[in-house]
N, C-alpha and C. Protein backbone atom coordinates (compact mmCIF):
# COMPACT_ATOMS: atom_id res chain seq x y z
N MET A 1 -9.97 12.06 43.93
CA MET A 1 -9.36 11.39 45.06
C MET A 1 -10.04 10.03 45.23
N ALA A 2 -9.28 8.95 45.18
CA ALA A 2 -9.81 7.61 45.33
C ALA A 2 -9.83 7.22 46.80
N THR A 3 -10.88 6.51 47.19
CA THR A 3 -10.94 6.02 48.56
C THR A 3 -10.78 4.51 48.53
N THR A 4 -10.17 3.98 49.56
CA THR A 4 -9.96 2.54 49.67
C THR A 4 -10.84 2.03 50.80
N THR A 5 -11.61 1.00 50.51
CA THR A 5 -12.43 0.38 51.54
C THR A 5 -11.63 -0.76 52.13
N HIS A 6 -11.49 -0.76 53.44
CA HIS A 6 -10.76 -1.80 54.14
C HIS A 6 -11.70 -2.95 54.48
N CYS A 7 -11.15 -4.13 54.59
CA CYS A 7 -11.97 -5.32 54.85
C CYS A 7 -12.84 -5.17 56.09
N GLN A 8 -12.31 -4.54 57.14
CA GLN A 8 -13.09 -4.40 58.37
C GLN A 8 -14.25 -3.42 58.21
N ASP A 9 -14.30 -2.68 57.11
CA ASP A 9 -15.39 -1.73 56.85
C ASP A 9 -16.46 -2.29 55.93
N VAL A 10 -16.20 -3.42 55.30
CA VAL A 10 -17.15 -4.03 54.37
C VAL A 10 -18.23 -4.76 55.17
N PRO A 11 -19.51 -4.56 54.83
CA PRO A 11 -20.57 -5.30 55.55
C PRO A 11 -20.39 -6.81 55.41
N VAL A 12 -20.70 -7.54 56.45
CA VAL A 12 -20.60 -9.00 56.41
C VAL A 12 -21.67 -9.51 55.44
N PRO A 13 -21.26 -10.33 54.46
CA PRO A 13 -22.23 -10.85 53.50
C PRO A 13 -23.19 -11.85 54.15
N PRO A 14 -24.30 -12.15 53.48
CA PRO A 14 -25.22 -13.17 54.01
C PRO A 14 -24.49 -14.50 54.20
N THR A 15 -24.91 -15.24 55.19
CA THR A 15 -24.26 -16.51 55.54
C THR A 15 -24.16 -17.45 54.35
N GLY A 16 -25.16 -17.47 53.50
CA GLY A 16 -25.16 -18.36 52.34
C GLY A 16 -24.06 -18.06 51.34
N ARG A 17 -23.46 -16.89 51.41
CA ARG A 17 -22.38 -16.51 50.50
C ARG A 17 -21.00 -16.77 51.09
N LEU A 18 -20.93 -17.23 52.33
CA LEU A 18 -19.64 -17.46 52.98
C LEU A 18 -19.14 -18.88 52.72
N SER A 19 -17.85 -19.00 52.48
CA SER A 19 -17.24 -20.32 52.26
C SER A 19 -17.03 -21.01 53.60
N THR A 20 -16.70 -22.28 53.55
CA THR A 20 -16.40 -23.03 54.76
C THR A 20 -15.24 -22.37 55.51
N GLU A 21 -14.21 -21.95 54.79
CA GLU A 21 -13.05 -21.31 55.41
C GLU A 21 -13.44 -20.00 56.10
N GLN A 22 -14.35 -19.24 55.49
CA GLN A 22 -14.81 -18.00 56.11
C GLN A 22 -15.63 -18.30 57.37
N LEU A 23 -16.50 -19.30 57.30
CA LEU A 23 -17.31 -19.66 58.46
C LEU A 23 -16.46 -20.20 59.61
N GLN A 24 -15.36 -20.84 59.29
CA GLN A 24 -14.51 -21.41 60.32
C GLN A 24 -13.45 -20.43 60.83
N GLY A 25 -13.49 -19.17 60.36
CA GLY A 25 -12.57 -18.15 60.85
C GLY A 25 -11.18 -18.23 60.29
N ARG A 26 -11.00 -18.94 59.19
CA ARG A 26 -9.67 -19.06 58.57
C ARG A 26 -9.49 -18.10 57.40
N ALA A 27 -10.59 -17.53 56.90
CA ALA A 27 -10.52 -16.62 55.75
C ALA A 27 -11.36 -15.38 56.03
N CYS A 28 -10.95 -14.27 55.47
CA CYS A 28 -11.64 -12.98 55.64
C CYS A 28 -13.03 -13.03 55.01
N VAL A 29 -14.04 -12.50 55.71
CA VAL A 29 -15.40 -12.48 55.17
C VAL A 29 -15.55 -11.47 54.04
N ALA A 30 -14.62 -10.52 53.92
CA ALA A 30 -14.70 -9.51 52.86
C ALA A 30 -13.95 -9.91 51.60
N CYS A 31 -12.67 -10.30 51.75
CA CYS A 31 -11.84 -10.57 50.57
C CYS A 31 -11.57 -12.05 50.34
N GLY A 32 -11.80 -12.89 51.35
CA GLY A 32 -11.60 -14.32 51.20
C GLY A 32 -10.17 -14.79 51.40
N GLU A 33 -9.24 -13.87 51.67
CA GLU A 33 -7.84 -14.24 51.89
C GLU A 33 -7.65 -14.88 53.26
N SER A 34 -6.58 -15.66 53.41
CA SER A 34 -6.24 -16.26 54.69
C SER A 34 -5.99 -15.16 55.71
N LEU A 35 -6.37 -15.43 56.95
CA LEU A 35 -6.27 -14.42 58.01
C LEU A 35 -5.02 -14.59 58.86
N PRO A 36 -4.41 -13.46 59.23
CA PRO A 36 -3.30 -13.51 60.18
C PRO A 36 -3.85 -13.63 61.60
N ALA A 37 -2.99 -13.78 62.58
CA ALA A 37 -3.41 -13.89 63.98
C ALA A 37 -4.12 -12.62 64.46
N ALA A 38 -3.82 -11.48 63.87
CA ALA A 38 -4.39 -10.20 64.30
C ALA A 38 -5.70 -9.89 63.58
N ARG A 39 -6.52 -10.88 63.34
CA ARG A 39 -7.79 -10.70 62.63
C ARG A 39 -8.78 -9.87 63.45
N VAL A 40 -9.80 -9.34 62.78
CA VAL A 40 -10.81 -8.50 63.42
C VAL A 40 -12.13 -9.27 63.50
N HIS A 41 -12.66 -9.44 64.70
CA HIS A 41 -13.94 -10.15 64.88
C HIS A 41 -15.05 -9.30 64.28
N ARG A 42 -15.88 -9.90 63.41
CA ARG A 42 -16.95 -9.16 62.74
C ARG A 42 -18.33 -9.53 63.20
N GLY A 43 -18.47 -10.63 63.91
CA GLY A 43 -19.78 -11.01 64.39
C GLY A 43 -19.96 -12.51 64.36
N VAL A 44 -21.22 -12.92 64.43
CA VAL A 44 -21.55 -14.34 64.46
C VAL A 44 -22.47 -14.65 63.28
N ALA A 45 -22.11 -15.67 62.52
CA ALA A 45 -22.94 -16.14 61.41
C ALA A 45 -23.73 -17.35 61.90
N LEU A 46 -25.01 -17.35 61.63
CA LEU A 46 -25.88 -18.45 62.06
C LEU A 46 -26.27 -19.28 60.85
N VAL A 47 -26.02 -20.58 60.96
CA VAL A 47 -26.34 -21.54 59.89
C VAL A 47 -27.24 -22.61 60.51
N HIS A 48 -28.20 -23.10 59.74
CA HIS A 48 -29.05 -24.18 60.22
C HIS A 48 -28.67 -25.47 59.51
N ASP A 49 -28.45 -26.52 60.30
CA ASP A 49 -28.16 -27.85 59.78
C ASP A 49 -29.34 -28.72 60.19
N GLY A 50 -30.28 -28.86 59.27
CA GLY A 50 -31.54 -29.52 59.64
C GLY A 50 -32.26 -28.62 60.62
N GLY A 51 -32.61 -29.15 61.77
CA GLY A 51 -33.28 -28.35 62.78
C GLY A 51 -32.33 -27.74 63.80
N TYR A 52 -31.03 -27.92 63.58
CA TYR A 52 -30.04 -27.46 64.56
C TYR A 52 -29.37 -26.16 64.11
N PRO A 53 -29.44 -25.11 64.93
CA PRO A 53 -28.71 -23.88 64.59
C PRO A 53 -27.23 -24.04 64.97
N LEU A 54 -26.36 -23.62 64.08
CA LEU A 54 -24.92 -23.62 64.33
C LEU A 54 -24.43 -22.19 64.21
N ASP A 55 -23.64 -21.74 65.17
CA ASP A 55 -23.12 -20.37 65.08
C ASP A 55 -21.60 -20.40 64.90
N PHE A 56 -21.12 -19.46 64.08
CA PHE A 56 -19.70 -19.36 63.76
C PHE A 56 -19.25 -17.92 63.95
N ASP A 57 -18.12 -17.72 64.63
CA ASP A 57 -17.52 -16.40 64.71
C ASP A 57 -16.85 -16.13 63.37
N VAL A 58 -17.11 -14.96 62.78
CA VAL A 58 -16.51 -14.61 61.50
C VAL A 58 -15.60 -13.40 61.67
N TYR A 59 -14.56 -13.33 60.83
CA TYR A 59 -13.50 -12.34 60.98
C TYR A 59 -13.16 -11.69 59.65
N SER A 60 -12.46 -10.55 59.73
CA SER A 60 -11.93 -9.90 58.54
C SER A 60 -10.47 -9.55 58.78
N CYS A 61 -9.81 -9.09 57.72
CA CYS A 61 -8.41 -8.69 57.81
C CYS A 61 -8.27 -7.50 58.76
N PRO A 62 -7.14 -7.40 59.46
CA PRO A 62 -6.90 -6.26 60.33
C PRO A 62 -6.57 -5.02 59.50
N PRO A 63 -6.64 -3.84 60.11
CA PRO A 63 -6.21 -2.63 59.39
C PRO A 63 -4.74 -2.79 58.98
N THR A 64 -4.41 -2.23 57.84
CA THR A 64 -3.02 -2.28 57.39
C THR A 64 -2.18 -1.28 58.19
N THR A 65 -0.89 -1.46 58.21
CA THR A 65 0.01 -0.59 58.96
C THR A 65 -0.19 0.85 58.52
N GLY A 66 -0.30 1.74 59.49
CA GLY A 66 -0.48 3.15 59.22
C GLY A 66 -1.92 3.59 59.22
N ASP A 67 -2.88 2.65 59.21
CA ASP A 67 -4.29 3.00 59.26
C ASP A 67 -4.66 3.36 60.68
N THR A 68 -5.63 4.21 60.82
CA THR A 68 -6.17 4.54 62.13
C THR A 68 -7.58 4.01 62.23
N ALA A 69 -8.00 3.69 63.42
CA ALA A 69 -9.33 3.12 63.62
C ALA A 69 -10.40 4.17 63.54
């Protein structure tokens, strides 16, 4: 029996591995695909720009139709 891991179940990768689109909430942090309006908030990624900390809300794909939480 094969199991499928959904994007919302994948651990958020380290900030250094996230693309600009992922950091800006336009792409899924798990699969990298463009996100629909029904995205799932996964947390906050912290990036340092010089001495300034910048925080970004990161998201993943929503559960597919028929999935239960």
